[in-house]
Amino acid sequence: MSEKDEKIKSLVDMGFSEDEANMAITRCGDVDLWELVDSISASRITEDSHSRNLSDHQITDRCFDSFGGRKKARLMEESKKKRNRYGGRAQGNQPSLDGSHDEPMPLPNPMVGFNLPGYLQPSVTRILPKQDTGPPFFYYENVAQAPKGVWATISRFLYDIQPEFVDSKHLCATARKRGYIHNLPIENRSPLLPMPPKTIFEAFPHYKKWWPSWDLRTQLNCLRTNVASAKLTERIGRALASSDSPPARSVQKYVMNECRKGNLVWIGKNKVAPLEPEEMEYLLGFPKDHTRGLGITERYKSLGNTFQVDTVAYHLSVLKVMFPNGVNVLSLFTGIGGGEVALHRLGIHMKAVVSVEIRKANKRIFRGWWDQTQTGTLIEIDDVKSLTDDRIVSFVSRFGGFDLVIGGSPCNNLAGCNRYNRDGLEGEQSALFYHYFRILNAVKSAMARM
């Protein structure tokens, strides 16, 4: 397959038509894939503007507001500057699709976002261009500690909006370092009440009985998709049983390293175990037995990939006053419904949810929760790749638009625990981010034509 054919295939996989892909390559020449994506998006916006008989000056202003100053030239496809920029072979070094040549985006310390309840920090004010404000409001999440340049690329595609990095340990008893890009207001947020416990013993006081004095942990690390094996916990038990009391420093170091990695807790003398799924549900803000009915391995996998509900609810809380009669939601990569549980716990009625989730186990859990707690309309779609622009237009027409587009694309190729395929946004799973961008753009475009 030629390089051109590979680019066309990649663009079609992202949801663009083959004609759009061919036209973009003809316009732009031999450039990187992300340049072609930008060009197609620019063409769509320009066509929308012409369809409403806007002047060239208005088109320029609209595109500038929507995508940020440094993309102004790209969006003026018909201008001479645009043709000169893309008319021939690209000159110089172009940034790669996954942003690997970009400078890393510094993570704040402490990781408390723009504001969190109970934290005194300088007030943050942000003013988004009018074109970027909702509705539709959008909310995108992924792991904070992604490979170099990934968050710069995600921000570039999502209208140059600054990420909000939050570690959930500031809201609950477990760490979860995540980045969020959204166009929600950041003033007048409110946390879910009652506030969740912030320490291990507040969350699980029964573990204090067996907790050794040399284990100084007060919070748990990020909850993952798999847990420590029985062989490991037995090995730890044998090491402790054959050691003095307290154990030698070397034994303590070994045990603590494994306990931190696996979030092991003390359930007896010299006996550790991983958290139970019900305990993970509690730490993540889900109702008891939310994932019950799946096999234990599936439960851990589903919980390890979901939102921390209290954190997300804090960000989404501004919607309650804005939409007293409820919201229409487009939920991408729904998982087990972390975003929907957050809205429900906030008391925000979901009039309709179009849920896109590929894993059958997750769909079964989410559908079961929905049927027990909700009265609105739920439409389920298997794959973001099958959510075409035409289907989006039909949903926008049916529901009168979406108030919120929410989701977090797979982090498989971004997470630090992936030692083998940490390929950034070019990885097979994490490249699905571009479908989030494509679908969000299609929603904005369809709603602009309403």
Protein backbone atom coordinates (compact mmCIF):
# COMPACT_ATOMS: atom_id res chain seq x y z
CA MET A 1 0.00 0.00 0.00
CA SER A 2 1.40 3.41 -0.98
CA GLU A 3 1.88 6.20 1.55
CA LYS A 4 -1.02 8.10 -0.01
CA ASP A 5 -3.32 5.07 0.27
CA GLU A 6 -2.30 4.60 3.90
CA LYS A 7 -3.23 8.22 4.66
CA ILE A 8 -6.57 7.84 2.88
CA LYS A 9 -7.29 4.66 4.86
CA SER A 10 -6.39 6.40 8.15
CA LEU A 11 -8.67 9.35 7.37
CA VAL A 12 -11.54 7.05 6.38
CA ASP A 13 -11.03 5.11 9.63
CA MET A 14 -11.38 8.43 11.48
CA GLY A 15 -14.80 8.89 9.88
CA PHE A 16 -13.99 11.21 6.97
CA SER A 17 -15.17 10.32 3.48
CA GLU A 18 -12.78 9.06 0.81
CA ASP A 19 -13.58 12.11 -1.33
CA GLU A 20 -12.65 14.45 1.53
CA ALA A 21 -9.40 12.54 2.06
CA ASN A 22 -8.45 12.72 -1.62
CA MET A 23 -9.29 16.42 -1.84
CA ALA A 24 -7.25 17.19 1.28
CA ILE A 25 -4.21 15.37 -0.12
CA THR A 26 -4.62 17.19 -3.44
CA ARG A 27 -4.80 20.53 -1.63
CA CYS A 28 -2.07 19.99 0.92
CA GLY A 29 0.42 17.79 -0.85
CA ASP A 30 2.85 15.58 1.08
CA VAL A 31 2.09 16.64 4.67
CA ASP A 32 1.52 14.76 7.91
CA LEU A 33 -1.82 13.21 8.76
CA TRP A 34 -2.75 15.82 11.37
CA GLU A 35 -2.40 18.57 8.73
CA LEU A 36 -4.89 16.70 6.53
CA VAL A 37 -7.34 16.37 9.44
CA ASP A 38 -7.08 20.11 10.09
CA SER A 39 -7.61 20.85 6.40
CA ILE A 40 -10.77 18.74 6.17
CA SER A 41 -12.17 20.30 9.34
CA ALA A 42 -11.36 23.76 8.00
CA SER A 43 -13.19 22.98 4.76
CA ARG A 44 -16.29 21.86 6.63
CA ILE A 45 -16.39 25.01 8.71
CA THR A 46 -15.80 27.20 5.66
CA GLU A 47 -18.60 25.43 3.77
CA ASP A 48 -20.94 25.93 6.75
CA SER A 49 -20.10 29.62 6.77
CA HIS A 50 -20.73 29.98 3.03
CA SER A 51 -24.04 28.15 3.38
CA ARG A 52 -25.20 30.93 5.67
CA ASN A 53 -23.99 33.62 3.20
CA LEU A 54 -21.34 35.01 5.52
CA SER A 55 -18.72 37.37 4.16
CA ASP A 56 -15.05 36.36 3.93
CA HIS A 57 -14.34 38.70 6.84
CA GLN A 58 -16.98 36.98 8.97
CA ILE A 59 -15.61 33.58 8.01
CA THR A 60 -12.14 34.64 9.10
CA ASP A 61 -13.40 35.90 12.46
CA ARG A 62 -15.49 32.79 13.06
CA CYS A 63 -12.65 30.41 12.30
CA PHE A 64 -10.23 32.44 14.38
CA ASP A 65 -12.58 32.36 17.37
CA SER A 66 -13.24 28.64 17.04
CA PHE A 67 -9.77 27.21 16.59
CA GLY A 68 -7.35 29.76 18.04
CA GLY A 69 -4.98 32.26 16.48
CA ARG A 70 -2.32 29.91 15.23
CA LYS A 71 -4.86 28.03 13.09
CA LYS A 72 -6.30 31.07 11.37
CA ALA A 73 -4.32 30.54 8.18
CA ARG A 74 -5.29 26.88 7.94
CA LEU A 75 -8.98 27.61 8.14
CA MET A 76 -8.96 30.18 5.32
CA GLU A 77 -8.79 27.49 2.68
CA GLU A 78 -9.69 29.77 -0.24
CA SER A 79 -7.26 32.52 0.65
CA LYS A 80 -3.95 32.97 -1.11
CA LYS A 81 -2.10 32.50 2.15
CA LYS A 82 -3.76 29.13 2.60
CA ARG A 83 -2.86 28.01 -0.92
CA ASN A 84 0.74 29.06 -0.47
CA ARG A 85 0.92 27.27 2.86
CA TYR A 86 -0.35 23.96 1.52
CA GLY A 87 0.11 24.24 -2.23
CA GLY A 88 3.25 22.17 -2.56
CA ARG A 89 5.41 19.78 -0.63
CA ALA A 90 5.62 20.65 3.06
CA GLN A 91 8.79 22.47 4.01
CA GLY A 92 10.70 21.93 7.21
CA ASN A 93 9.80 19.55 10.02
CA GLN A 94 6.09 19.09 10.60
CA PRO A 95 4.85 17.89 13.99
CA SER A 96 3.79 14.26 14.09
CA LEU A 97 0.19 13.22 14.63
CA ASP A 98 0.78 12.11 18.22
CA GLY A 99 2.60 15.30 19.19
CA SER A 100 5.83 13.47 19.99
CA HIS A 101 7.89 16.44 18.77
CA ASP A 102 5.98 18.94 20.91
CA GLU A 103 7.31 20.17 24.20
CA PRO A 104 5.83 18.28 27.16
CA MET A 105 2.98 20.07 28.91
CA PRO A 106 4.03 20.66 32.54
CA LEU A 107 1.80 19.08 35.17
CA PRO A 108 0.89 21.25 38.16
CA ASN A 109 1.93 20.34 41.69
CA PRO A 110 -0.34 19.99 43.56
CA MET A 111 -2.63 18.69 40.83
CA VAL A 112 -5.80 20.50 41.89
CA GLY A 113 -7.07 21.87 38.58
CA PHE A 114 -8.49 25.37 38.33
CA ASN A 115 -10.05 25.07 41.78
CA LEU A 116 -11.11 22.40 44.26
CA PRO A 117 -13.23 22.63 47.41
CA GLY A 118 -11.18 23.34 50.51
CA TYR A 119 -8.00 24.39 48.67
CA LEU A 120 -6.79 27.95 48.91
CA GLN A 121 -5.21 28.83 45.60
CA PRO A 122 -5.03 31.84 43.30
CA SER A 123 -8.34 32.39 41.57
CA VAL A 124 -8.38 31.30 37.94
CA THR A 125 -10.34 33.20 35.33
CA ARG A 126 -10.64 32.02 31.77
CA ILE A 127 -12.55 33.56 28.91
CA LEU A 128 -13.24 31.26 25.99
CA PRO A 129 -13.97 32.59 22.50
CA LYS A 130 -17.71 32.78 21.94
CA GLN A 131 -17.53 30.05 19.31
CA ASP A 132 -16.08 27.63 21.88
CA THR A 133 -18.72 28.13 24.57
CA GLY A 134 -21.66 25.77 24.94
CA PRO A 135 -24.04 24.40 24.20
CA PRO A 136 -22.92 21.95 23.24
CA PHE A 137 -20.72 21.72 26.29
CA PHE A 138 -18.05 19.09 25.97
CA TYR A 139 -15.92 17.22 28.48
CA TYR A 140 -12.92 15.08 27.56
CA GLU A 141 -10.79 13.01 29.98
CA ASN A 142 -7.59 10.96 29.80
CA VAL A 143 -4.53 10.05 31.85
CA ALA A 144 -2.47 13.06 32.91
CA GLN A 145 0.93 11.41 32.61
CA ALA A 146 0.77 10.69 28.89
CA PRO A 147 3.81 10.56 26.57
CA LYS A 148 5.49 13.82 25.63
CA GLY A 149 3.41 16.07 23.43
CA VAL A 150 0.14 14.14 23.70
CA TRP A 151 -1.73 16.74 25.76
CA ALA A 152 -0.44 19.53 23.52
CA THR A 153 -1.91 17.67 20.55
CA ILE A 154 -5.22 16.96 22.29
CA SER A 155 -5.47 20.62 23.28
CA ARG A 156 -4.67 21.71 19.73
CA PHE A 157 -7.50 19.61 18.32
CA LEU A 158 -9.95 20.65 21.04
CA TYR A 159 -9.83 24.33 20.13
CA ASP A 160 -6.61 25.15 22.02
CA ILE A 161 -8.40 24.95 25.37
CA GLN A 162 -6.06 24.53 28.34
CA PRO A 163 -6.33 21.16 30.12
CA GLU A 164 -7.39 21.02 33.74
CA PHE A 165 -5.24 18.47 35.57
CA VAL A 166 -6.68 16.96 38.75
CA ASP A 167 -5.52 14.17 41.05
CA SER A 168 -8.62 12.67 42.65
CA LYS A 169 -6.73 12.08 45.90
CA HIS A 170 -7.72 15.64 46.77
CA LEU A 171 -11.38 14.55 46.70
CA CYS A 172 -11.29 10.93 47.86
CA ALA A 173 -9.01 8.26 49.36
CA THR A 174 -7.41 7.12 46.10
CA ALA A 175 -5.18 8.82 43.56
CA ARG A 176 -6.30 9.21 39.95
CA LYS A 177 -4.25 11.69 37.95
CA ARG A 178 -6.27 12.84 34.98
CA GLY A 179 -6.42 15.66 32.49
CA TYR A 180 -9.73 17.21 31.48
CA ILE A 181 -10.40 19.53 28.55
CA HIS A 182 -13.82 21.12 28.58
CA ASN A 183 -15.71 24.32 27.86
CA LEU A 184 -17.74 24.28 31.08
CA PRO A 185 -17.80 27.34 33.34
CA ILE A 186 -15.29 27.02 36.17
CA GLU A 187 -17.05 29.37 38.59
CA ASN A 188 -19.74 28.33 41.11
CA ARG A 189 -18.87 24.66 41.16
CA SER A 190 -20.07 22.54 44.06
CA PRO A 191 -18.99 19.09 45.32
CA LEU A 192 -21.20 16.08 45.87
CA LEU A 193 -22.37 15.84 49.47
CA PRO A 194 -21.57 14.22 51.72
CA MET A 195 -17.92 14.54 50.76
CA PRO A 196 -16.24 11.13 50.37
CA PRO A 197 -13.63 9.98 52.90
CA LYS A 198 -10.09 11.08 52.06
CA THR A 199 -8.05 8.47 53.92
CA ILE A 200 -7.86 4.69 53.93
CA PHE A 201 -9.02 4.35 57.53
CA GLU A 202 -11.91 6.79 57.03
CA ALA A 203 -13.06 4.72 54.07
CA PHE A 204 -12.33 1.28 55.58
CA PRO A 205 -11.89 1.54 59.37
CA HIS A 206 -11.86 -2.26 59.82
CA TYR A 207 -8.42 -2.48 58.20
CA LYS A 208 -6.83 -0.50 61.02
CA LYS A 209 -6.79 -3.59 63.27
CA TRP A 210 -4.11 -5.35 61.22
CA TRP A 211 -2.30 -2.36 59.72
CA PRO A 212 1.40 -2.44 60.79
CA SER A 213 2.94 0.73 62.20
CA TRP A 214 5.63 0.74 59.52
CA ASP A 215 3.05 0.98 56.69
CA LEU A 216 2.62 4.74 56.63
CA ARG A 217 0.15 4.95 53.74
CA THR A 218 -2.88 7.14 54.30
CA GLN A 219 -4.22 7.00 50.73
CA LEU A 220 -4.25 4.46 47.92
CA ASN A 221 -2.62 4.76 44.53
CA CYS A 222 -4.47 4.82 41.22
CA LEU A 223 -6.88 1.90 40.85
CA ARG A 224 -5.88 -0.22 37.87
CA THR A 225 -7.55 -2.75 35.62
CA ASN A 226 -5.82 -5.75 37.21
CA VAL A 227 -4.87 -6.71 40.75
CA ALA A 228 -2.13 -8.60 42.54
CA SER A 229 -2.10 -12.37 42.16
CA ALA A 230 -2.60 -14.88 44.96
CA LYS A 231 0.99 -16.03 44.43
CA LEU A 232 2.27 -12.54 45.18
CA THR A 233 0.24 -12.13 48.37
CA GLU A 234 1.37 -15.58 49.53
CA ARG A 235 4.99 -14.65 48.84
CA ILE A 236 4.58 -11.48 50.90
CA GLY A 237 3.06 -13.51 53.74
CA ARG A 238 5.98 -15.95 53.75
CA ALA A 239 8.52 -13.13 53.74
CA LEU A 240 6.85 -11.54 56.77
CA ALA A 241 6.38 -14.82 58.65
CA SER A 242 10.06 -15.67 58.35
CA SER A 243 11.19 -12.21 59.43
CA ASP A 244 11.50 -10.55 62.82
CA SER A 245 8.87 -8.28 64.33
CA PRO A 246 9.10 -5.59 63.12
CA PRO A 247 10.52 -6.96 59.87
CA ALA A 248 13.99 -6.07 58.67
CA ARG A 249 14.25 -2.85 56.70
CA SER A 250 14.84 -4.77 53.46
CA VAL A 251 11.66 -6.83 53.99
CA GLN A 252 9.65 -3.73 54.80
CA LYS A 253 10.91 -2.07 51.62
CA TYR A 254 9.95 -5.08 49.49
CA VAL A 255 6.49 -5.39 51.05
CA MET A 256 5.74 -1.67 50.84
CA ASN A 257 6.77 -1.54 47.20
CA GLU A 258 4.32 -4.32 46.34
CA CYS A 259 1.57 -2.84 48.53
CA ARG A 260 1.84 0.54 46.82
CA LYS A 261 1.89 -0.95 43.32
CA GLY A 262 -1.04 -3.26 43.94
CA ASN A 263 -3.04 -1.19 46.46
CA LEU A 264 -2.84 -4.11 48.89
CA VAL A 265 -4.56 -3.81 52.27
CA TRP A 266 -4.00 -5.68 55.53
CA ILE A 267 -6.69 -8.27 56.30
CA GLY A 268 -4.87 -10.31 58.97
CA LYS A 269 -1.53 -10.85 60.66
CA ASN A 270 1.13 -10.81 57.93
CA LYS A 271 -1.68 -11.10 55.41
CA VAL A 272 -2.40 -8.68 52.56
CA ALA A 273 -5.00 -8.76 49.80
CA PRO A 274 -6.16 -6.60 46.89
CA LEU A 275 -9.24 -4.43 47.20
CA GLU A 276 -12.57 -6.07 46.51
CA PRO A 277 -14.60 -4.75 43.53
CA GLU A 278 -17.20 -3.34 45.95
CA GLU A 279 -14.46 -1.33 47.66
CA MET A 280 -13.27 0.03 44.33
CA GLU A 281 -16.84 1.03 43.48
CA TYR A 282 -17.04 2.93 46.76
CA LEU A 283 -13.72 4.73 46.22
CA LEU A 284 -14.71 5.70 42.68
CA GLY A 285 -18.11 7.08 43.74
CA PHE A 286 -20.36 4.37 42.27
CA PRO A 287 -23.35 2.81 44.02
CA LYS A 288 -22.79 -0.48 45.81
CA ASP A 289 -22.87 -3.52 43.51
CA HIS A 290 -22.80 -1.32 40.41
CA THR A 291 -20.67 -3.88 38.54
CA ARG A 292 -22.09 -6.96 40.23
CA GLY A 293 -23.06 -9.64 37.74
CA LEU A 294 -19.77 -9.56 35.86
CA GLY A 295 -16.91 -11.95 36.52
CA ILE A 296 -14.38 -10.56 38.97
CA THR A 297 -11.74 -10.00 36.27
CA GLU A 298 -14.24 -8.05 34.16
CA ARG A 299 -15.28 -6.00 37.19
CA TYR A 300 -11.69 -4.95 37.89
CA LYS A 301 -11.12 -4.10 34.23
CA SER A 302 -14.28 -2.00 33.97
CA LEU A 303 -13.62 -0.14 37.22
CA GLY A 304 -9.99 0.52 36.36
CA ASN A 305 -11.03 2.28 33.16
CA THR A 306 -13.80 4.51 34.47
CA PHE A 307 -14.17 8.07 35.79
CA GLN A 308 -13.78 8.99 39.44
CA VAL A 309 -17.37 10.15 39.92
CA ASP A 310 -16.80 12.79 42.62
CA THR A 311 -14.18 14.57 40.51
CA VAL A 312 -16.29 14.58 37.37
CA ALA A 313 -19.41 15.62 39.29
CA TYR A 314 -17.56 18.63 40.71
CA HIS A 315 -16.83 19.82 37.17
CA LEU A 316 -20.32 19.03 35.86
CA SER A 317 -22.12 20.61 38.83
CA VAL A 318 -22.42 23.94 36.98
CA LEU A 319 -24.95 22.32 34.62
CA LYS A 320 -27.61 21.91 37.31
CA VAL A 321 -28.58 25.58 37.36
CA MET A 322 -28.14 25.95 33.61
CA PHE A 323 -30.46 23.04 32.71
CA PRO A 324 -33.18 22.77 35.38
CA ASN A 325 -35.35 20.67 33.05
CA GLY A 326 -32.62 18.17 32.23
CA VAL A 327 -29.99 17.52 29.58
CA ASN A 328 -29.51 15.62 26.35
CA VAL A 329 -26.18 13.81 26.44
CA LEU A 330 -23.95 12.27 23.79
CA SER A 331 -21.78 9.85 25.76
CA LEU A 332 -18.70 8.57 23.90
CA PHE A 333 -16.75 5.62 25.31
CA THR A 334 -19.42 5.36 28.01
CA GLY A 335 -17.84 2.46 29.88
CA ILE A 336 -19.89 1.65 32.97
CA GLY A 337 -21.47 5.11 33.00
CA GLY A 338 -19.25 7.24 35.23
CA GLY A 339 -20.43 10.48 33.64
CA GLU A 340 -24.07 9.48 33.84
CA VAL A 341 -23.75 8.40 37.48
CA ALA A 342 -22.18 11.80 38.21
CA LEU A 343 -25.11 13.62 36.58
CA HIS A 344 -27.60 11.42 38.43
CA ARG A 345 -25.94 12.03 41.80
CA LEU A 346 -26.01 15.78 41.07
CA GLY A 347 -29.77 15.55 40.57
CA ILE A 348 -29.55 16.45 36.87
CA HIS A 349 -32.24 14.66 34.86
CA MET A 350 -31.03 13.02 31.66
CA LYS A 351 -33.81 13.45 29.13
CA ALA A 352 -31.91 11.44 26.53
CA VAL A 353 -28.53 9.74 26.36
CA VAL A 354 -26.96 8.43 23.17
CA SER A 355 -24.36 6.03 24.53
CA VAL A 356 -21.45 4.73 22.44
CA GLU A 357 -19.64 1.77 24.01
CA ILE A 358 -18.07 -1.26 22.38
CA ARG A 359 -17.54 -3.66 25.31
CA LYS A 360 -20.56 -5.89 25.93
CA ALA A 361 -19.80 -6.23 29.65
CA ASN A 362 -19.80 -2.45 30.12
CA LYS A 363 -23.00 -2.08 28.12
CA ARG A 364 -24.74 -4.68 30.27
CA ILE A 365 -23.74 -2.89 33.48
CA PHE A 366 -24.73 0.53 32.18
CA ARG A 367 -28.07 -0.66 30.80
CA GLY A 368 -28.87 -2.39 34.09
CA TRP A 369 -28.13 0.78 36.08
CA TRP A 370 -30.12 2.92 33.64
CA ASP A 371 -33.20 0.71 33.80
CA GLN A 372 -33.14 0.83 37.61
CA THR A 373 -32.64 4.57 38.04
CA GLN A 374 -33.62 6.57 34.94
CA THR A 375 -36.78 7.47 33.03
CA GLY A 376 -35.24 9.16 29.99
CA THR A 377 -34.47 7.77 26.54
CA LEU A 378 -31.36 5.61 26.12
CA ILE A 379 -30.01 4.83 22.66
CA GLU A 380 -27.02 2.49 22.47
CA ILE A 381 -24.44 2.40 19.68
CA ASP A 382 -21.63 -0.15 19.54
CA ASP A 383 -18.71 1.78 18.09
CA VAL A 384 -17.64 5.40 17.59
CA LYS A 385 -16.58 4.47 14.06
CA SER A 386 -20.20 3.69 13.18
CA LEU A 387 -21.46 7.06 14.46
CA THR A 388 -21.45 8.81 11.09
CA ASP A 389 -22.10 12.48 10.45
CA ASP A 390 -25.52 11.62 9.00
CA ARG A 391 -26.52 9.77 12.17
CA ILE A 392 -25.31 12.70 14.26
CA VAL A 393 -27.45 15.10 12.22
CA SER A 394 -30.49 12.86 12.74
CA PHE A 395 -29.94 12.74 16.52
CA VAL A 396 -29.46 16.52 16.67
CA SER A 397 -32.71 16.95 14.76
CA ARG A 398 -34.56 14.43 16.94
CA PHE A 399 -33.48 15.82 20.31
CA GLY A 400 -33.00 19.46 19.37
CA GLY A 401 -29.25 19.20 19.88
CA PHE A 402 -26.99 17.88 22.63
CA ASP A 403 -26.32 19.83 25.80
CA LEU A 404 -23.25 17.77 26.72
CA VAL A 405 -20.77 15.64 24.77
CA ILE A 406 -18.77 13.63 27.31
CA GLY A 407 -16.18 10.89 27.15
CA GLY A 408 -12.62 9.73 27.56
CA SER A 409 -11.02 7.77 24.73
CA PRO A 410 -8.96 4.66 25.59
CA CYS A 411 -5.70 5.30 27.43
CA ASN A 412 -4.14 1.94 26.46
CA ASN A 413 -1.32 3.52 24.45
CA LEU A 414 -0.87 6.49 26.81
CA ALA A 415 -0.67 5.01 30.31
CA GLY A 416 2.73 4.60 31.94
CA CYS A 417 1.94 1.03 33.00
CA ASN A 418 1.94 -0.01 29.32
CA ARG A 419 5.56 -0.97 28.71
CA TYR A 420 5.05 -2.51 25.28
CA ASN A 421 2.67 -0.36 23.20
CA ARG A 422 2.94 3.14 24.66
CA ASP A 423 2.66 4.66 21.21
CA GLY A 424 0.79 7.84 22.11
CA LEU A 425 -2.07 8.97 19.92
CA GLU A 426 -0.75 6.87 17.05
CA GLY A 427 -1.48 3.69 19.03
CA GLU A 428 -4.33 1.52 17.82
CA GLN A 429 -6.62 2.21 20.80
CA SER A 430 -5.66 5.75 21.80
CA ALA A 431 -6.00 6.97 18.19
CA LEU A 432 -9.74 6.72 18.82
CA PHE A 433 -9.37 10.21 20.33
CA TYR A 434 -9.67 11.55 16.79
CA HIS A 435 -13.19 10.14 16.61
CA TYR A 436 -14.08 12.15 19.71
CA PHE A 437 -12.81 15.24 17.89
CA ARG A 438 -14.61 14.30 14.65
CA ILE A 439 -17.92 13.62 16.38
CA LEU A 440 -17.76 16.77 18.50
CA ASN A 441 -17.09 18.85 15.40
CA ALA A 442 -20.01 17.19 13.63
CA VAL A 443 -22.33 17.96 16.57
CA LYS A 444 -21.22 21.59 16.65
CA SER A 445 -21.70 21.89 12.90
CA ALA A 446 -25.16 20.27 12.95
CA MET A 447 -26.31 22.45 15.84
CA ALA A 448 -25.00 25.59 14.13
CA ARG A 449 -27.33 24.82 11.21
CA MET A 450 -30.41 24.39 13.40
